């Protein structure tokens, strides 16, 4: 099992606690072709209509010409609904064949570029629900359309590379772990529950540090 480490801002903990839908797990960069997916989770006891909700990906490599442009080419427009306590997974064809799950929505190959990015979840009113910043260089900048932001969650690099992806240690939890680069990533569970690691630590305060081990 791999030791996973992530850093989150206090604002991220508050957002995760109050939002009905959270970004629960993302895999974007793997060894070989990328089996990409984005998983959402409904933390509430009632189904949530996702019509009008969107996910944005903003290039966050501060030293490149693409900084502030949309990664993946466009915004993901979400359709359908999420059942109470359920998962909604946007996945590409390779992730579906690799992990054997039924995606709620199909996305194209290479929708998540292998460089620093800011992921933004918005509700049907375009209000920001939460933001994740995934970096391969500590000099990179979380942003929306080039305007710097303070993200709810920030983590990376993984060594000198972009993390393969991340997951909440327990669905809807404020604890964040990193997925492995192996293909398939041993800890990835698209469309199904994220299992908390025994004794996983809660993130405490601004920039609190959490460590956890996840089952294989």
N, C-alpha and C. Protein backbone atom coordinates (compact mmCIF):
# COMPACT_ATOMS: atom_id res chain seq x y z
N UNK A 1 0.83 -1.19 0.00
CA UNK A 1 0.00 0.00 0.00
C UNK A 1 0.87 1.25 0.00
N UNK A 2 0.35 2.29 -0.55
CA UNK A 2 1.12 3.51 -0.69
C UNK A 2 0.69 4.53 0.35
N UNK A 3 1.67 5.16 0.99
CA UNK A 3 1.37 6.26 1.90
C UNK A 3 0.90 7.45 1.09
N UNK A 4 -0.23 8.01 1.45
CA UNK A 4 -0.78 9.15 0.71
C UNK A 4 -0.84 10.36 1.61
N UNK A 5 -0.47 11.50 1.06
CA UNK A 5 -0.40 12.74 1.83
C UNK A 5 -1.08 13.84 1.05
N UNK A 6 -1.86 14.65 1.72
CA UNK A 6 -2.50 15.79 1.05
C UNK A 6 -2.64 16.94 2.02
N UNK A 7 -2.70 18.16 1.48
CA UNK A 7 -2.87 19.36 2.28
C UNK A 7 -4.16 20.04 1.86
N UNK A 8 -4.94 20.50 2.80
CA UNK A 8 -6.20 21.19 2.49
C UNK A 8 -6.33 22.44 3.32
N UNK A 9 -6.94 23.45 2.74
CA UNK A 9 -7.23 24.68 3.47
C UNK A 9 -8.47 24.47 4.32
N UNK A 10 -8.59 25.27 5.38
CA UNK A 10 -9.75 25.18 6.26
C UNK A 10 -11.03 25.43 5.48
N UNK A 11 -10.99 26.31 4.51
CA UNK A 11 -12.18 26.59 3.70
C UNK A 11 -12.68 25.33 3.01
N UNK A 12 -11.76 24.45 2.61
CA UNK A 12 -12.15 23.21 1.96
C UNK A 12 -12.93 22.31 2.88
N UNK A 13 -12.56 22.27 4.15
CA UNK A 13 -13.27 21.45 5.11
C UNK A 13 -14.69 21.97 5.29
N UNK A 14 -14.84 23.27 5.38
CA UNK A 14 -16.18 23.85 5.55
C UNK A 14 -17.03 23.59 4.32
N UNK A 15 -16.45 23.74 3.13
CA UNK A 15 -17.20 23.51 1.90
C UNK A 15 -17.66 22.07 1.82
N UNK A 16 -16.76 21.13 2.11
CA UNK A 16 -17.11 19.72 2.03
C UNK A 16 -18.24 19.38 2.98
N UNK A 17 -18.26 20.03 4.14
CA UNK A 17 -19.28 19.74 5.14
C UNK A 17 -20.63 20.30 4.74
N UNK A 18 -20.67 21.40 3.98
CA UNK A 18 -21.91 22.11 3.71
C UNK A 18 -22.49 21.83 2.33
N UNK A 19 -21.68 21.37 1.40
CA UNK A 19 -22.16 21.16 0.04
C UNK A 19 -22.92 19.85 -0.05
N UNK A 20 -24.03 19.84 -0.81
CA UNK A 20 -24.76 18.61 -1.00
C UNK A 20 -24.02 17.65 -1.91
N UNK A 21 -23.24 18.20 -2.87
CA UNK A 21 -22.45 17.38 -3.80
C UNK A 21 -20.99 17.77 -3.67
N UNK A 22 -20.12 16.77 -3.63
CA UNK A 22 -18.69 17.02 -3.55
C UNK A 22 -17.97 16.29 -4.68
N UNK A 23 -16.80 16.80 -5.04
CA UNK A 23 -15.87 16.04 -5.89
C UNK A 23 -15.25 14.98 -5.00
N UNK A 24 -15.47 13.72 -5.32
CA UNK A 24 -15.14 12.63 -4.41
C UNK A 24 -13.87 11.89 -4.80
N UNK A 25 -13.60 11.81 -6.11
CA UNK A 25 -12.43 11.07 -6.59
C UNK A 25 -12.14 11.49 -8.02
N UNK A 26 -10.86 11.66 -8.35
CA UNK A 26 -10.45 12.05 -9.70
C UNK A 26 -9.18 11.29 -10.07
N UNK A 27 -9.16 10.72 -11.27
CA UNK A 27 -7.95 10.12 -11.82
C UNK A 27 -7.70 10.77 -13.17
N UNK A 28 -6.52 11.40 -13.33
CA UNK A 28 -6.27 12.14 -14.56
C UNK A 28 -4.95 11.83 -15.24
N UNK A 29 -3.96 11.34 -14.47
CA UNK A 29 -2.62 11.13 -15.03
C UNK A 29 -2.10 9.79 -14.56
N UNK A 30 -1.88 8.87 -15.51
CA UNK A 30 -1.41 7.52 -15.16
C UNK A 30 -0.24 7.13 -16.04
N UNK A 31 0.36 5.99 -15.74
CA UNK A 31 1.41 5.47 -16.61
C UNK A 31 0.76 4.92 -17.87
N UNK A 32 1.24 5.33 -19.03
CA UNK A 32 0.61 4.93 -20.28
C UNK A 32 -0.59 5.81 -20.60
N UNK A 33 -1.52 5.30 -21.41
CA UNK A 33 -2.73 6.05 -21.73
C UNK A 33 -3.54 6.29 -20.47
N UNK A 34 -4.20 7.44 -20.41
CA UNK A 34 -4.85 7.85 -19.18
C UNK A 34 -6.30 7.36 -19.10
N UNK A 35 -6.57 6.54 -18.10
CA UNK A 35 -7.94 6.08 -17.81
C UNK A 35 -8.57 7.10 -16.88
N UNK A 36 -9.16 8.14 -17.45
CA UNK A 36 -9.58 9.30 -16.66
C UNK A 36 -11.03 9.20 -16.19
N UNK A 37 -11.25 9.69 -14.98
CA UNK A 37 -12.63 9.82 -14.50
C UNK A 37 -12.70 10.89 -13.43
N UNK A 38 -13.91 11.44 -13.26
CA UNK A 38 -14.24 12.38 -12.19
C UNK A 38 -15.48 11.84 -11.50
N UNK A 39 -15.39 11.61 -10.21
CA UNK A 39 -16.52 11.07 -9.47
C UNK A 39 -17.08 12.10 -8.50
N UNK A 40 -18.39 12.30 -8.55
CA UNK A 40 -19.09 13.17 -7.61
C UNK A 40 -19.84 12.31 -6.60
N UNK A 41 -20.12 12.88 -5.43
CA UNK A 41 -20.83 12.14 -4.38
C UNK A 41 -21.89 13.03 -3.75
N UNK A 42 -23.07 12.47 -3.55
CA UNK A 42 -24.18 13.17 -2.91
C UNK A 42 -24.14 12.87 -1.41
N UNK A 43 -23.85 13.88 -0.61
CA UNK A 43 -23.70 13.69 0.83
C UNK A 43 -25.03 13.69 1.57
N UNK A 44 -26.13 13.97 0.86
CA UNK A 44 -27.41 14.18 1.52
C UNK A 44 -28.30 12.93 1.48
N UNK A 45 -29.44 13.03 2.12
CA UNK A 45 -30.40 11.94 2.17
C UNK A 45 -31.48 12.03 1.12
N UNK A 46 -31.29 12.87 0.10
CA UNK A 46 -32.27 13.01 -0.97
C UNK A 46 -31.55 13.13 -2.30
N UNK A 47 -32.20 12.69 -3.38
CA UNK A 47 -31.62 12.82 -4.71
C UNK A 47 -31.43 14.29 -5.07
N UNK A 48 -30.40 14.58 -5.85
CA UNK A 48 -30.11 15.95 -6.28
C UNK A 48 -30.10 16.01 -7.80
N UNK A 49 -30.89 16.91 -8.36
CA UNK A 49 -30.93 17.14 -9.79
C UNK A 49 -29.66 17.89 -10.19
N UNK A 50 -28.89 17.33 -11.13
CA UNK A 50 -27.61 17.92 -11.51
C UNK A 50 -27.71 18.76 -12.79
N UNK A 51 -28.90 18.91 -13.34
CA UNK A 51 -29.06 19.72 -14.55
C UNK A 51 -28.53 21.13 -14.30
N UNK A 52 -27.65 21.58 -15.18
CA UNK A 52 -27.09 22.92 -15.06
C UNK A 52 -25.79 22.98 -14.27
N UNK A 53 -25.43 21.91 -13.56
CA UNK A 53 -24.15 21.87 -12.85
C UNK A 53 -23.02 21.69 -13.86
N UNK A 54 -21.83 22.20 -13.54
CA UNK A 54 -20.69 22.10 -14.45
C UNK A 54 -19.40 21.81 -13.67
N UNK A 55 -18.43 21.28 -14.41
CA UNK A 55 -17.07 21.11 -13.90
C UNK A 55 -16.12 21.80 -14.87
N UNK A 56 -15.30 22.70 -14.37
CA UNK A 56 -14.31 23.40 -15.19
C UNK A 56 -12.91 22.93 -14.81
N UNK A 57 -12.03 22.92 -15.80
CA UNK A 57 -10.61 22.61 -15.58
C UNK A 57 -9.78 23.74 -16.18
N UNK A 58 -8.99 24.40 -15.33
CA UNK A 58 -8.20 25.56 -15.77
C UNK A 58 -6.71 25.24 -15.68
N UNK A 59 -6.00 25.47 -16.80
CA UNK A 59 -4.56 25.25 -16.84
C UNK A 59 -3.89 26.12 -15.79
N UNK A 60 -3.08 25.49 -14.93
CA UNK A 60 -2.47 26.22 -13.81
C UNK A 60 -0.95 26.21 -13.84
N UNK A 61 -0.37 25.82 -14.99
CA UNK A 61 1.09 25.88 -15.16
C UNK A 61 1.47 27.34 -15.39
N UNK A 62 1.99 27.98 -14.35
CA UNK A 62 2.18 29.43 -14.39
C UNK A 62 3.20 29.88 -15.42
N UNK A 63 4.11 28.98 -15.84
CA UNK A 63 5.19 29.40 -16.74
C UNK A 63 4.94 28.98 -18.18
N UNK A 64 3.69 28.68 -18.55
CA UNK A 64 3.40 28.29 -19.93
C UNK A 64 2.38 29.24 -20.56
N UNK A 65 2.36 29.22 -21.89
CA UNK A 65 1.44 30.10 -22.63
C UNK A 65 -0.01 29.71 -22.41
N UNK A 66 -0.26 28.47 -22.00
CA UNK A 66 -1.62 28.01 -21.80
C UNK A 66 -2.21 28.37 -20.45
N UNK A 67 -1.44 29.01 -19.58
CA UNK A 67 -1.94 29.34 -18.25
C UNK A 67 -3.26 30.09 -18.31
N UNK A 68 -4.23 29.65 -17.51
CA UNK A 68 -5.51 30.32 -17.45
C UNK A 68 -6.50 29.91 -18.52
N UNK A 69 -6.06 29.04 -19.46
CA UNK A 69 -6.98 28.54 -20.47
C UNK A 69 -7.63 27.25 -19.97
N UNK A 70 -8.73 26.87 -20.60
CA UNK A 70 -9.42 25.67 -20.17
C UNK A 70 -8.68 24.42 -20.61
N UNK A 71 -8.36 23.55 -19.65
CA UNK A 71 -7.84 22.22 -19.97
C UNK A 71 -8.98 21.37 -20.51
N UNK A 72 -8.65 20.43 -21.37
CA UNK A 72 -9.67 19.54 -21.90
C UNK A 72 -10.55 20.17 -22.94
N UNK A 73 -10.37 21.46 -23.20
CA UNK A 73 -11.06 22.10 -24.30
C UNK A 73 -12.40 22.73 -23.99
N UNK A 74 -13.10 22.25 -22.96
CA UNK A 74 -14.41 22.81 -22.69
C UNK A 74 -14.86 22.45 -21.28
N UNK A 75 -15.94 23.08 -20.85
CA UNK A 75 -16.55 22.78 -19.56
C UNK A 75 -17.38 21.50 -19.67
N UNK A 76 -17.37 20.66 -18.62
CA UNK A 76 -18.24 19.50 -18.58
C UNK A 76 -19.61 19.94 -18.06
N UNK A 77 -20.63 19.76 -18.87
CA UNK A 77 -21.99 20.05 -18.45
C UNK A 77 -22.63 18.77 -17.94
N UNK A 78 -23.05 18.76 -16.69
CA UNK A 78 -23.54 17.54 -16.05
C UNK A 78 -25.05 17.41 -16.31
N UNK A 79 -25.49 16.18 -16.48
CA UNK A 79 -26.90 15.90 -16.72
C UNK A 79 -27.39 14.87 -15.71
N UNK A 80 -28.69 14.69 -15.62
CA UNK A 80 -29.24 13.65 -14.76
C UNK A 80 -29.26 14.05 -13.30
N UNK A 81 -29.24 13.07 -12.43
CA UNK A 81 -29.31 13.32 -10.99
C UNK A 81 -28.43 12.35 -10.24
N UNK A 82 -28.19 12.64 -8.97
CA UNK A 82 -27.43 11.74 -8.09
C UNK A 82 -28.36 11.29 -6.99
N UNK A 83 -28.45 9.98 -6.80
CA UNK A 83 -29.30 9.43 -5.74
C UNK A 83 -28.75 9.82 -4.38
N UNK A 84 -29.60 9.76 -3.38
CA UNK A 84 -29.16 10.02 -2.00
C UNK A 84 -28.01 9.09 -1.65
N UNK A 85 -26.91 9.68 -1.16
CA UNK A 85 -25.73 8.89 -0.82
C UNK A 85 -25.11 8.18 -2.00
N UNK A 86 -25.38 8.66 -3.21
CA UNK A 86 -24.92 7.99 -4.41
C UNK A 86 -23.74 8.67 -5.09
N UNK A 87 -23.23 7.99 -6.12
CA UNK A 87 -22.08 8.47 -6.89
C UNK A 87 -22.51 8.79 -8.32
N UNK A 88 -21.85 9.77 -8.91
CA UNK A 88 -22.04 10.13 -10.31
C UNK A 88 -20.66 10.23 -10.92
N UNK A 89 -20.39 9.41 -11.94
CA UNK A 89 -19.04 9.33 -12.48
C UNK A 89 -19.00 9.73 -13.94
N UNK A 90 -18.14 10.70 -14.25
CA UNK A 90 -17.83 11.07 -15.62
C UNK A 90 -16.54 10.35 -15.98
N UNK A 91 -16.57 9.48 -16.99
CA UNK A 91 -15.38 8.69 -17.30
C UNK A 91 -15.16 8.53 -18.78
N UNK A 92 -13.90 8.35 -19.18
CA UNK A 92 -13.61 8.08 -20.59
C UNK A 92 -13.67 6.58 -20.85
N UNK A 93 -13.63 6.21 -22.12
CA UNK A 93 -13.81 4.81 -22.50
C UNK A 93 -12.75 3.91 -21.87
N UNK A 94 -11.50 4.39 -21.79
CA UNK A 94 -10.44 3.56 -21.22
C UNK A 94 -10.66 3.30 -19.74
N UNK A 95 -11.14 4.29 -19.01
CA UNK A 95 -11.38 4.06 -17.58
C UNK A 95 -12.51 3.06 -17.38
N UNK A 96 -13.52 3.11 -18.25
CA UNK A 96 -14.65 2.19 -18.13
C UNK A 96 -14.19 0.75 -18.38
N UNK A 97 -13.37 0.56 -19.41
CA UNK A 97 -12.89 -0.79 -19.70
C UNK A 97 -11.87 -1.27 -18.68
N UNK A 98 -11.10 -0.33 -18.12
CA UNK A 98 -10.07 -0.70 -17.14
C UNK A 98 -10.67 -1.09 -15.81
N UNK A 99 -11.67 -0.33 -15.33
CA UNK A 99 -12.20 -0.53 -13.98
C UNK A 99 -13.56 -1.23 -13.98
N UNK A 100 -14.19 -1.41 -15.13
CA UNK A 100 -15.40 -2.18 -15.22
C UNK A 100 -16.60 -1.59 -14.50
N UNK A 101 -16.79 -0.29 -14.60
CA UNK A 101 -17.92 0.37 -13.97
C UNK A 101 -18.82 0.97 -15.04
N UNK A 102 -20.02 1.35 -14.66
CA UNK A 102 -20.95 2.00 -15.59
C UNK A 102 -20.90 3.50 -15.35
N UNK A 103 -20.33 4.25 -16.28
CA UNK A 103 -20.22 5.70 -16.12
C UNK A 103 -21.58 6.36 -16.25
N UNK A 104 -21.79 7.39 -15.45
CA UNK A 104 -23.01 8.18 -15.54
C UNK A 104 -22.98 9.08 -16.78
N UNK A 105 -21.77 9.44 -17.20
CA UNK A 105 -21.59 10.34 -18.34
C UNK A 105 -20.24 10.05 -18.96
N UNK A 106 -20.18 10.01 -20.29
CA UNK A 106 -18.94 9.72 -21.00
C UNK A 106 -18.20 11.03 -21.32
N UNK A 107 -16.89 11.04 -21.06
CA UNK A 107 -16.06 12.16 -21.45
C UNK A 107 -15.02 11.67 -22.45
N UNK A 108 -14.41 12.57 -23.16
CA UNK A 108 -13.45 12.20 -24.18
C UNK A 108 -12.10 11.79 -23.62
N UNK A 109 -11.31 11.15 -24.47
CA UNK A 109 -9.94 10.81 -24.09
C UNK A 109 -9.15 12.09 -23.84
N UNK A 110 -8.22 12.02 -22.88
CA UNK A 110 -7.35 13.15 -22.56
C UNK A 110 -8.12 14.41 -22.21
N UNK A 111 -9.22 14.25 -21.49
CA UNK A 111 -9.99 15.40 -21.03
C UNK A 111 -9.31 16.12 -19.88
N UNK A 112 -8.47 15.41 -19.13
CA UNK A 112 -7.71 16.01 -18.03
C UNK A 112 -6.25 15.99 -18.43
N UNK A 113 -5.70 17.16 -18.70
CA UNK A 113 -4.33 17.23 -19.18
C UNK A 113 -3.33 16.92 -18.07
N UNK A 114 -2.14 16.44 -18.49
CA UNK A 114 -1.13 16.02 -17.52
C UNK A 114 -0.22 17.17 -17.11
N UNK A 115 -0.83 18.20 -16.57
CA UNK A 115 -0.11 19.34 -16.04
C UNK A 115 -0.94 19.95 -14.93
N UNK A 116 -0.40 20.90 -14.21
CA UNK A 116 -1.12 21.50 -13.09
C UNK A 116 -2.46 22.05 -13.55
N UNK A 117 -3.50 21.79 -12.73
CA UNK A 117 -4.84 22.26 -13.10
C UNK A 117 -5.64 22.64 -11.86
N UNK A 118 -6.61 23.50 -12.09
CA UNK A 118 -7.59 23.87 -11.07
C UNK A 118 -8.94 23.32 -11.51
N UNK A 119 -9.57 22.51 -10.66
CA UNK A 119 -10.88 21.93 -10.97
C UNK A 119 -11.94 22.69 -10.16
N UNK A 120 -13.00 23.12 -10.85
CA UNK A 120 -14.04 23.94 -10.24
C UNK A 120 -15.39 23.26 -10.45
N UNK A 121 -16.10 22.99 -9.37
CA UNK A 121 -17.46 22.46 -9.43
C UNK A 121 -18.42 23.61 -9.17
N UNK A 122 -19.38 23.82 -10.11
CA UNK A 122 -20.38 24.88 -9.97
C UNK A 122 -21.78 24.26 -9.97
N UNK A 123 -22.69 24.87 -9.23
CA UNK A 123 -24.06 24.39 -9.21
C UNK A 123 -24.86 25.03 -10.34
N UNK A 124 -26.17 24.78 -10.38
CA UNK A 124 -27.01 25.24 -11.48
C UNK A 124 -27.14 26.76 -11.55
N UNK A 125 -26.78 27.46 -10.47
CA UNK A 125 -26.80 28.93 -10.49
C UNK A 125 -25.44 29.51 -10.86
N UNK A 126 -24.48 28.63 -11.18
CA UNK A 126 -23.08 28.99 -11.49
C UNK A 126 -22.28 29.36 -10.25
N UNK A 127 -22.86 29.19 -9.07
CA UNK A 127 -22.11 29.42 -7.83
C UNK A 127 -21.05 28.33 -7.66
N UNK A 128 -19.88 28.72 -7.19
CA UNK A 128 -18.80 27.75 -6.96
C UNK A 128 -19.12 26.91 -5.73
N UNK A 129 -19.13 25.60 -5.90
CA UNK A 129 -19.36 24.68 -4.80
C UNK A 129 -18.04 24.33 -4.11
N UNK A 130 -17.03 23.99 -4.92
CA UNK A 130 -15.69 23.75 -4.35
C UNK A 130 -14.65 23.75 -5.46
N UNK A 131 -13.38 23.93 -5.04
CA UNK A 131 -12.26 24.01 -5.97
C UNK A 131 -11.12 23.14 -5.49
N UNK A 132 -10.47 22.46 -6.44
CA UNK A 132 -9.29 21.64 -6.16
C UNK A 132 -8.14 22.12 -7.03
N UNK A 133 -6.95 22.23 -6.44
CA UNK A 133 -5.76 22.63 -7.16
C UNK A 133 -4.75 21.50 -7.09
N UNK A 134 -4.39 20.95 -8.27
CA UNK A 134 -3.47 19.81 -8.36
C UNK A 134 -2.24 20.29 -9.12
N UNK A 135 -1.06 20.20 -8.51
CA UNK A 135 0.11 20.84 -9.10
C UNK A 135 1.29 19.88 -9.27
N UNK A 136 2.12 20.18 -10.28
CA UNK A 136 3.38 19.47 -10.45
C UNK A 136 4.58 20.36 -10.15
N UNK A 137 4.30 21.59 -9.76
CA UNK A 137 5.36 22.55 -9.42
C UNK A 137 4.79 23.52 -8.40
N UNK A 138 5.49 23.71 -7.30
CA UNK A 138 4.95 24.55 -6.22
C UNK A 138 4.84 26.01 -6.64
N UNK A 139 5.45 26.38 -7.77
CA UNK A 139 5.33 27.75 -8.26
C UNK A 139 4.07 27.96 -9.09
N UNK A 140 3.33 26.90 -9.39
CA UNK A 140 2.12 27.02 -10.19
C UNK A 140 1.02 27.73 -9.40
N UNK A 141 -0.03 28.19 -10.09
CA UNK A 141 -1.01 29.08 -9.47
C UNK A 141 -2.43 28.57 -9.72
N UNK A 142 -3.18 28.36 -8.64
CA UNK A 142 -4.61 28.05 -8.77
C UNK A 142 -5.32 29.26 -9.36
N UNK A 143 -6.20 29.03 -10.33
CA UNK A 143 -6.84 30.16 -11.00
C UNK A 143 -8.15 29.75 -11.65
N UNK A 144 -8.95 30.74 -11.95
CA UNK A 144 -10.13 30.59 -12.81
C UNK A 144 -9.99 31.60 -13.93
N UNK A 145 -9.83 31.11 -15.14
CA UNK A 145 -9.65 31.98 -16.32
C UNK A 145 -8.48 32.95 -16.13
N UNK A 146 -7.44 32.49 -15.45
CA UNK A 146 -6.24 33.29 -15.25
C UNK A 146 -6.24 34.14 -14.00
N UNK A 147 -7.38 34.28 -13.34
CA UNK A 147 -7.45 35.07 -12.11
C UNK A 147 -7.12 34.16 -10.92
N UNK A 148 -6.08 34.47 -10.15
CA UNK A 148 -5.69 33.62 -9.03
C UNK A 148 -6.81 33.46 -8.00
N UNK A 149 -6.92 32.27 -7.44
CA UNK A 149 -7.90 32.00 -6.39
C UNK A 149 -7.20 31.28 -5.24
N UNK A 150 -7.86 31.26 -4.08
CA UNK A 150 -7.44 30.41 -2.98
C UNK A 150 -8.32 29.16 -3.03
N UNK A 151 -7.78 28.02 -3.43
CA UNK A 151 -8.61 26.83 -3.61
C UNK A 151 -9.02 26.23 -2.27
N UNK A 152 -10.08 25.43 -2.30
CA UNK A 152 -10.49 24.72 -1.10
C UNK A 152 -9.49 23.64 -0.73
N UNK A 153 -8.95 22.95 -1.74
CA UNK A 153 -7.97 21.90 -1.51
C UNK A 153 -6.80 22.08 -2.46
N UNK A 154 -5.57 21.92 -1.96
CA UNK A 154 -4.37 22.00 -2.79
C UNK A 154 -3.46 20.84 -2.45
N UNK A 155 -2.85 20.22 -3.46
CA UNK A 155 -1.86 19.19 -3.18
C UNK A 155 -0.98 18.93 -4.40
N UNK A 156 0.15 18.30 -4.13
CA UNK A 156 1.16 18.01 -5.13
C UNK A 156 2.39 18.89 -4.87
N UNK A 157 3.47 18.66 -5.59
CA UNK A 157 3.67 17.55 -6.53
C UNK A 157 3.78 16.20 -5.80
N UNK A 158 3.71 15.11 -6.58
CA UNK A 158 3.98 13.77 -6.08
C UNK A 158 5.40 13.44 -6.52
N UNK A 159 6.36 13.70 -5.61
CA UNK A 159 7.75 13.70 -6.01
C UNK A 159 7.98 14.93 -6.88
N UNK A 160 8.36 14.71 -8.14
CA UNK A 160 8.52 15.85 -9.06
C UNK A 160 7.46 15.82 -10.15
N UNK A 161 6.38 15.05 -9.92
CA UNK A 161 5.36 14.87 -10.95
C UNK A 161 3.99 15.34 -10.47
N UNK A 162 3.08 15.50 -11.43
CA UNK A 162 1.69 15.74 -11.10
C UNK A 162 1.12 14.49 -10.44
N UNK A 163 0.40 14.61 -9.33
CA UNK A 163 -0.24 13.42 -8.76
C UNK A 163 -1.17 12.76 -9.79
N UNK A 164 -1.24 11.44 -9.76
CA UNK A 164 -2.12 10.73 -10.68
C UNK A 164 -3.56 11.16 -10.49
N UNK A 165 -3.94 11.38 -9.25
CA UNK A 165 -5.29 11.78 -8.91
C UNK A 165 -5.46 11.79 -7.41
N UNK A 166 -6.70 11.95 -6.97
CA UNK A 166 -6.94 12.04 -5.53
C UNK A 166 -8.29 11.42 -5.20
N UNK A 167 -8.51 11.15 -3.94
CA UNK A 167 -9.78 10.62 -3.47
C UNK A 167 -10.02 11.07 -2.04
N UNK A 168 -11.27 11.14 -1.67
CA UNK A 168 -11.62 11.41 -0.28
C UNK A 168 -11.52 10.09 0.49
N UNK A 169 -10.87 10.12 1.64
CA UNK A 169 -10.69 8.91 2.44
C UNK A 169 -11.98 8.67 3.21
N UNK A 170 -12.92 8.00 2.54
CA UNK A 170 -14.29 7.89 3.00
C UNK A 170 -15.13 8.89 2.24
N UNK A 171 -16.21 8.45 1.60
CA UNK A 171 -17.02 9.31 0.76
C UNK A 171 -17.42 10.60 1.49
N UNK A 172 -17.17 11.74 0.85
CA UNK A 172 -17.54 13.02 1.42
C UNK A 172 -16.66 13.51 2.54
N UNK A 173 -15.62 12.76 2.88
CA UNK A 173 -14.72 13.13 3.98
C UNK A 173 -13.88 14.35 3.62
N UNK A 174 -13.37 15.04 4.64
CA UNK A 174 -12.43 16.15 4.41
C UNK A 174 -11.00 15.64 4.28
N UNK A 175 -10.76 14.35 4.54
CA UNK A 175 -9.44 13.76 4.37
C UNK A 175 -9.22 13.44 2.89
N UNK A 176 -8.05 13.82 2.36
CA UNK A 176 -7.74 13.60 0.95
C UNK A 176 -6.49 12.74 0.84
N UNK A 177 -6.54 11.72 -0.01
CA UNK A 177 -5.37 10.90 -0.31
C UNK A 177 -5.04 10.95 -1.78
N UNK A 178 -3.84 10.57 -2.15
CA UNK A 178 -3.41 10.56 -3.55
C UNK A 178 -3.51 9.16 -4.13
N UNK A 179 -3.98 9.07 -5.37
CA UNK A 179 -4.01 7.80 -6.09
C UNK A 179 -2.64 7.48 -6.67
N UNK A 180 -2.39 6.19 -6.89
CA UNK A 180 -1.12 5.74 -7.45
C UNK A 180 -1.08 5.89 -8.97
N UNK A 181 0.13 5.91 -9.52
CA UNK A 181 0.30 6.03 -10.97
C UNK A 181 0.08 4.71 -11.69
N UNK A 182 0.17 3.58 -11.00
CA UNK A 182 0.04 2.28 -11.65
C UNK A 182 -1.24 2.17 -12.44
N UNK A 183 -1.19 1.40 -13.54
CA UNK A 183 -2.37 1.23 -14.38
C UNK A 183 -2.80 -0.22 -14.37
N UNK A 184 -3.95 -0.58 -13.78
CA UNK A 184 -4.85 0.36 -13.12
C UNK A 184 -4.33 0.84 -11.77
N UNK A 185 -4.72 2.04 -11.39
CA UNK A 185 -4.32 2.58 -10.09
C UNK A 185 -4.96 1.72 -9.00
N UNK A 186 -4.18 1.07 -8.13
CA UNK A 186 -4.72 0.09 -7.20
C UNK A 186 -5.82 0.61 -6.29
N UNK A 187 -5.81 1.90 -5.97
CA UNK A 187 -6.77 2.45 -5.02
C UNK A 187 -8.00 3.05 -5.66
N UNK A 188 -8.02 3.17 -6.99
CA UNK A 188 -9.14 3.83 -7.66
C UNK A 188 -10.41 2.99 -7.58
N UNK A 189 -11.52 3.63 -7.23
CA UNK A 189 -12.81 2.93 -7.12
C UNK A 189 -13.92 3.76 -7.77
N UNK A 190 -13.85 4.02 -9.08
CA UNK A 190 -14.87 4.85 -9.72
C UNK A 190 -16.26 4.22 -9.60
N UNK A 191 -17.23 5.04 -9.22
CA UNK A 191 -18.61 4.60 -9.14
C UNK A 191 -18.97 3.81 -7.91
N UNK A 192 -18.02 3.66 -6.98
CA UNK A 192 -18.32 2.93 -5.75
C UNK A 192 -17.63 3.59 -4.57
N UNK A 193 -17.92 3.09 -3.38
CA UNK A 193 -17.51 3.77 -2.15
C UNK A 193 -16.00 3.83 -1.97
N UNK A 194 -15.53 4.95 -1.45
CA UNK A 194 -14.15 5.09 -1.00
C UNK A 194 -14.09 4.60 0.45
N UNK A 195 -13.25 3.64 0.73
CA UNK A 195 -13.20 3.03 2.05
C UNK A 195 -12.21 3.79 2.94
N UNK A 196 -12.64 4.28 4.11
CA UNK A 196 -11.70 4.98 5.00
C UNK A 196 -10.60 4.04 5.47
N UNK A 197 -9.39 4.57 5.55
CA UNK A 197 -8.29 3.79 6.11
C UNK A 197 -8.40 3.77 7.63
N UNK A 198 -8.02 2.67 8.28
CA UNK A 198 -8.08 2.64 9.74
C UNK A 198 -7.22 3.75 10.35
N UNK A 199 -7.81 4.47 11.29
CA UNK A 199 -7.05 5.50 12.00
C UNK A 199 -6.71 6.70 11.16
N UNK A 200 -7.42 6.91 10.04
CA UNK A 200 -7.14 8.09 9.22
C UNK A 200 -7.34 9.36 10.03
N UNK A 201 -6.44 10.32 9.85
CA UNK A 201 -6.47 11.55 10.62
C UNK A 201 -7.34 12.60 9.96
N UNK A 202 -8.05 13.38 10.75
CA UNK A 202 -8.80 14.51 10.20
C UNK A 202 -7.84 15.64 9.89
N UNK A 203 -8.16 16.42 8.87
CA UNK A 203 -7.38 17.61 8.57
C UNK A 203 -7.73 18.68 9.59
N UNK A 204 -6.72 19.29 10.18
CA UNK A 204 -6.95 20.25 11.25
C UNK A 204 -6.40 21.61 10.85
N UNK A 205 -7.29 22.62 10.76
CA UNK A 205 -6.84 24.00 10.58
C UNK A 205 -6.30 24.28 9.20
N UNK A 206 -5.92 25.52 8.99
CA UNK A 206 -5.42 25.97 7.71
C UNK A 206 -4.13 25.25 7.38
N UNK A 207 -4.11 24.60 6.21
CA UNK A 207 -2.91 23.89 5.81
C UNK A 207 -2.65 22.66 6.64
N UNK A 208 -3.68 22.13 7.32
CA UNK A 208 -3.51 20.93 8.12
C UNK A 208 -3.03 19.78 7.27
N UNK A 209 -2.24 18.88 7.86
CA UNK A 209 -1.65 17.78 7.12
C UNK A 209 -2.29 16.49 7.55
N UNK A 210 -2.71 15.67 6.59
CA UNK A 210 -3.30 14.38 6.91
C UNK A 210 -2.54 13.29 6.19
N UNK A 211 -2.39 12.14 6.82
CA UNK A 211 -1.79 11.00 6.16
C UNK A 211 -2.74 9.82 6.31
N UNK A 212 -2.74 8.97 5.31
CA UNK A 212 -3.62 7.82 5.36
C UNK A 212 -3.09 6.74 4.45
N UNK A 213 -3.43 5.49 4.78
CA UNK A 213 -3.16 4.38 3.88
C UNK A 213 -4.50 3.85 3.38
N UNK A 214 -4.55 3.54 2.12
CA UNK A 214 -5.80 3.06 1.53
C UNK A 214 -5.66 1.61 1.14
N UNK A 215 -6.77 0.89 1.21
CA UNK A 215 -6.74 -0.53 0.88
C UNK A 215 -6.40 -0.73 -0.60
N UNK A 216 -5.83 -1.85 -0.94
CA UNK A 216 -5.63 -2.22 -2.33
C UNK A 216 -6.84 -3.00 -2.83
